[in-house]
Amino acid sequence: MNEMQTPMAEFLRASIAKIKEMVDANTVVGDPVTTPDGVTLVPVSRVSVGFAGGGGDVVKQRDGCVGGSGAGIRIEPIGFLVCKDGSVRMLNIQPPAVTTLDRVIDLVPQLLDRAEAFIDKRSAPAAAEEAPAPAQE
């Protein structure tokens, strides 16, 4: 019997397909919700999945297969993406960071936003200087 055609292989394939159904992009990043004042909230979750399976062929008494599998999934909400007036920020709902490394990781998005704003400010005057002057008649 071909390995890919055994009942155990089909059993594992079906189990993995069910897990794929449960865990998709909409599980991690939820559907956006827009408030009446124009703020859009997008829920964000952390998803952890574990899977184990095993089995074997029974050949002593009759051809067959025995096996089993198990899976666990954990969905933990971690915050919301807040979209307002063209800017996006993360609103965490988890406890604050305890270690220095966790604090630094939490500050990275803010640092990137500030660096982008700084670069935009510096490039705006340079772009204005490079623009050709309007022709005078």
C-alpha atoms as a PDB file:
ATOM      1  CA  MET A   1       0.000   0.000   0.000  1.00  0.00           C
ATOM      2  CA  ASN A   2       1.399   3.404  -0.982  1.00  0.00           C
ATOM      3  CA  GLU A   3       2.258   5.601   2.008  1.00  0.00           C
ATOM      4  CA  MET A   4       0.152   8.493   0.691  1.00  0.00           C
ATOM      5  CA  GLN A   5      -2.907   6.237   0.366  1.00  0.00           C
ATOM      6  CA  THR A   6      -2.958   4.746   3.852  1.00  0.00           C
ATOM      7  CA  PRO A   7      -5.909   5.475   6.111  1.00  0.00           C
ATOM      8  CA  MET A   8      -3.508   7.176   8.549  1.00  0.00           C
ATOM      9  CA  ALA A   9      -2.270   9.610   5.887  1.00  0.00           C
ATOM     10  CA  GLU A  10      -5.864  10.469   4.988  1.00  0.00           C
ATOM     11  CA  PHE A  11      -6.718  10.886   8.669  1.00  0.00           C
ATOM     12  CA  LEU A  12      -3.834  13.332   9.190  1.00  0.00           C
ATOM     13  CA  ARG A  13      -4.658  15.190   5.981  1.00  0.00           C
ATOM     14  CA  ALA A  14      -8.273  15.690   7.143  1.00  0.00           C
ATOM     15  CA  SER A  15      -7.126  16.862  10.582  1.00  0.00           C
ATOM     16  CA  ILE A  16      -4.754  19.443   9.124  1.00  0.00           C
ATOM     17  CA  ALA A  17      -7.484  20.677   6.755  1.00  0.00           C
ATOM     18  CA  LYS A  18      -9.775  21.310   9.739  1.00  0.00           C
ATOM     19  CA  ILE A  19      -7.036  23.261  11.515  1.00  0.00           C
ATOM     20  CA  LYS A  20      -6.512  25.386   8.395  1.00  0.00           C
ATOM     21  CA  GLU A  21     -10.236  26.182   8.440  1.00  0.00           C
ATOM     22  CA  MET A  22     -10.006  27.462  12.018  1.00  0.00           C
ATOM     23  CA  VAL A  23      -6.802  29.469  11.619  1.00  0.00           C
ATOM     24  CA  ASP A  24      -6.867  31.979   8.803  1.00  0.00           C
ATOM     25  CA  ALA A  25      -5.883  35.618   8.367  1.00  0.00           C
ATOM     26  CA  ASN A  26      -9.247  36.766   9.764  1.00  0.00           C
ATOM     27  CA  THR A  27      -8.451  35.021  13.027  1.00  0.00           C
ATOM     28  CA  VAL A  28      -5.285  37.106  13.520  1.00  0.00           C
ATOM     29  CA  VAL A  29      -6.534  40.399  12.082  1.00  0.00           C
ATOM     30  CA  GLY A  30     -10.265  40.782  12.533  1.00  0.00           C
ATOM     31  CA  ASP A  31     -12.873  42.688  10.559  1.00  0.00           C
ATOM     32  CA  PRO A  32     -12.556  46.477  10.837  1.00  0.00           C
ATOM     33  CA  VAL A  33     -15.160  48.428  12.776  1.00  0.00           C
ATOM     34  CA  THR A  34     -15.752  52.111  11.964  1.00  0.00           C
ATOM     35  CA  THR A  35     -17.098  54.386  14.687  1.00  0.00           C
ATOM     36  CA  PRO A  36     -19.475  57.299  13.961  1.00  0.00           C
ATOM     37  CA  ASP A  37     -16.643  59.832  14.399  1.00  0.00           C
ATOM     38  CA  GLY A  38     -14.580  58.218  11.613  1.00  0.00           C
ATOM     39  CA  VAL A  39     -12.139  56.130  13.660  1.00  0.00           C
ATOM     40  CA  THR A  40     -11.542  52.628  12.331  1.00  0.00           C
ATOM     41  CA  LEU A  41     -10.643  49.881  14.827  1.00  0.00           C
ATOM     42  CA  VAL A  42      -9.115  46.613  13.638  1.00  0.00           C
ATOM     43  CA  PRO A  43      -8.849  43.847  16.270  1.00  0.00           C
ATOM     44  CA  VAL A  44      -5.529  41.968  16.376  1.00  0.00           C
ATOM     45  CA  SER A  45      -5.025  38.585  18.081  1.00  0.00           C
ATOM     46  CA  ARG A  46      -2.166  36.200  18.724  1.00  0.00           C
ATOM     47  CA  VAL A  47      -2.879  32.671  17.546  1.00  0.00           C
ATOM     48  CA  SER A  48      -0.983  29.606  18.792  1.00  0.00           C
ATOM     49  CA  VAL A  49      -1.596  26.169  17.323  1.00  0.00           C
ATOM     50  CA  GLY A  50      -0.246  22.780  18.335  1.00  0.00           C
ATOM     51  CA  PHE A  51      -0.774  19.518  16.527  1.00  0.00           C
ATOM     52  CA  ALA A  52       0.344  15.953  17.087  1.00  0.00           C
ATOM     53  CA  GLY A  53      -0.540  12.717  15.398  1.00  0.00           C
ATOM     54  CA  GLY A  54       0.686   9.202  15.079  1.00  0.00           C
ATOM     55  CA  GLY A  55      -0.278   5.706  14.235  1.00  0.00           C
ATOM     56  CA  GLY A  56       0.785   2.468  12.728  1.00  0.00           C
ATOM     57  CA  ASP A  57      -0.257  -0.468  10.617  1.00  0.00           C
ATOM     58  CA  VAL A  58      -1.812  -3.521  12.237  1.00  0.00           C
ATOM     59  CA  VAL A  59      -0.511  -6.591  10.432  1.00  0.00           C
ATOM     60  CA  LYS A  60      -0.696  -9.401  12.999  1.00  0.00           C
ATOM     61  CA  GLN A  61      -4.398 -10.131  12.752  1.00  0.00           C
ATOM     62  CA  ARG A  62      -5.640  -8.173   9.746  1.00  0.00           C
ATOM     63  CA  ASP A  63      -4.669  -5.352   7.515  1.00  0.00           C
ATOM     64  CA  GLY A  64      -5.603  -2.056   9.027  1.00  0.00           C
ATOM     65  CA  CYS A  65      -4.427   1.038  10.705  1.00  0.00           C
ATOM     66  CA  VAL A  66      -4.616   2.480  14.180  1.00  0.00           C
ATOM     67  CA  GLY A  67      -3.880   6.053  15.009  1.00  0.00           C
ATOM     68  CA  GLY A  68      -4.862   9.209  16.661  1.00  0.00           C
ATOM     69  CA  SER A  69      -4.233  12.899  16.584  1.00  0.00           C
ATOM     70  CA  GLY A  70      -4.834  15.905  18.720  1.00  0.00           C
ATOM     71  CA  ALA A  71      -4.769  19.621  18.245  1.00  0.00           C
ATOM     72  CA  GLY A  72      -5.030  22.688  20.370  1.00  0.00           C
ATOM     73  CA  ILE A  73      -5.607  26.294  19.439  1.00  0.00           C
ATOM     74  CA  ARG A  74      -5.301  29.408  21.547  1.00  0.00           C
ATOM     75  CA  ILE A  75      -6.579  32.794  20.391  1.00  0.00           C
ATOM     76  CA  GLU A  76      -5.518  35.710  22.561  1.00  0.00           C
ATOM     77  CA  PRO A  77      -6.612  39.287  21.774  1.00  0.00           C
ATOM     78  CA  ILE A  78      -3.611  41.619  22.022  1.00  0.00           C
ATOM     79  CA  GLY A  79      -4.921  44.975  20.840  1.00  0.00           C
ATOM     80  CA  PHE A  80      -6.450  47.151  18.169  1.00  0.00           C
ATOM     81  CA  LEU A  81      -5.076  49.025  15.196  1.00  0.00           C
ATOM     82  CA  VAL A  82      -6.546  52.529  15.468  1.00  0.00           C
ATOM     83  CA  CYS A  83      -6.838  54.307  12.102  1.00  0.00           C
ATOM     84  CA  LYS A  84      -7.666  58.010  12.302  1.00  0.00           C
ATOM     85  CA  ASP A  85      -6.893  60.960  10.017  1.00  0.00           C
ATOM     86  CA  GLY A  86      -4.469  58.967   7.872  1.00  0.00           C
ATOM     87  CA  SER A  87      -2.377  57.654  10.774  1.00  0.00           C
ATOM     88  CA  VAL A  88      -2.349  54.209  12.322  1.00  0.00           C
ATOM     89  CA  ARG A  89      -1.284  53.292  15.844  1.00  0.00           C
ATOM     90  CA  MET A  90      -1.465  50.156  17.945  1.00  0.00           C
ATOM     91  CA  LEU A  91      -3.552  50.215  21.100  1.00  0.00           C
ATOM     92  CA  ASN A  92      -2.313  47.335  23.285  1.00  0.00           C
ATOM     93  CA  ILE A  93      -4.704  45.658  25.693  1.00  0.00           C
ATOM     94  CA  GLN A  94      -2.057  43.440  27.257  1.00  0.00           C
ATOM     95  CA  PRO A  95      -0.153  44.225  30.429  1.00  0.00           C
ATOM     96  CA  PRO A  96       2.811  46.562  29.927  1.00  0.00           C
ATOM     97  CA  ALA A  97       6.219  45.193  29.011  1.00  0.00           C
ATOM     98  CA  VAL A  98       8.319  43.987  31.924  1.00  0.00           C
ATOM     99  CA  THR A  99      11.790  43.533  30.458  1.00  0.00           C
ATOM    100  CA  THR A 100      13.908  46.144  28.719  1.00  0.00           C
ATOM    101  CA  LEU A 101      13.844  44.215  25.449  1.00  0.00           C
ATOM    102  CA  ASP A 102      10.031  44.071  25.521  1.00  0.00           C
ATOM    103  CA  ARG A 103       9.892  47.836  26.092  1.00  0.00           C
ATOM    104  CA  VAL A 104      12.246  48.482  23.177  1.00  0.00           C
ATOM    105  CA  ILE A 105      10.138  46.254  20.899  1.00  0.00           C
ATOM    106  CA  ASP A 106       6.998  48.140  21.974  1.00  0.00           C
ATOM    107  CA  LEU A 107       8.655  51.475  21.077  1.00  0.00           C
ATOM    108  CA  VAL A 108       9.773  50.456  17.571  1.00  0.00           C
ATOM    109  CA  PRO A 109       6.533  51.532  15.801  1.00  0.00           C
ATOM    110  CA  GLN A 110       6.641  54.949  17.489  1.00  0.00           C
ATOM    111  CA  LEU A 111      10.285  55.415  16.547  1.00  0.00           C
ATOM    112  CA  LEU A 112       9.547  54.504  12.927  1.00  0.00           C
ATOM    113  CA  ASP A 113       6.669  56.997  12.805  1.00  0.00           C
ATOM    114  CA  ARG A 114       8.882  59.766  14.201  1.00  0.00           C
ATOM    115  CA  ALA A 115      11.708  58.932  11.806  1.00  0.00           C
ATOM    116  CA  GLU A 116       9.300  59.004   8.859  1.00  0.00           C
ATOM    117  CA  ALA A 117       7.905  62.387   9.956  1.00  0.00           C
ATOM    118  CA  PHE A 118      11.448  63.752  10.348  1.00  0.00           C
ATOM    119  CA  ILE A 119      12.463  62.553   6.879  1.00  0.00           C
ATOM    120  CA  ASP A 120       9.280  64.013   5.366  1.00  0.00           C
ATOM    121  CA  LYS A 121       9.997  67.405   6.987  1.00  0.00           C
ATOM    122  CA  ARG A 122      13.566  67.442   5.706  1.00  0.00           C
ATOM    123  CA  SER A 123      12.642  66.373   2.175  1.00  0.00           C
ATOM    124  CA  ALA A 124       9.742  68.858   1.825  1.00  0.00           C
ATOM    125  CA  PRO A 125      11.968  72.012   1.635  1.00  0.00           C
ATOM    126  CA  ALA A 126      14.380  70.239  -0.714  1.00  0.00           C
ATOM    127  CA  ALA A 127      11.519  69.272  -3.018  1.00  0.00           C
ATOM    128  CA  ALA A 128      10.228  72.856  -2.994  1.00  0.00           C
ATOM    129  CA  GLU A 129      13.675  74.186  -3.990  1.00  0.00           C
ATOM    130  CA  GLU A 130      13.969  71.698  -6.855  1.00  0.00           C
ATOM    131  CA  ALA A 131      10.559  72.548  -8.310  1.00  0.00           C
ATOM    132  CA  PRO A 132      10.833  74.850 -11.344  1.00  0.00           C
ATOM    133  CA  ALA A 133       9.693  78.410 -10.867  1.00  0.00           C
ATOM    134  CA  PRO A 134       6.458  79.304 -12.673  1.00  0.00           C
ATOM    135  CA  ALA A 135       7.004  81.092 -15.985  1.00  0.00           C
ATOM    136  CA  GLN A 136       6.289  84.827 -15.865  1.00  0.00           C
ATOM    137  CA  GLU A 137       4.665  86.591 -18.788  1.00  0.00           C
END
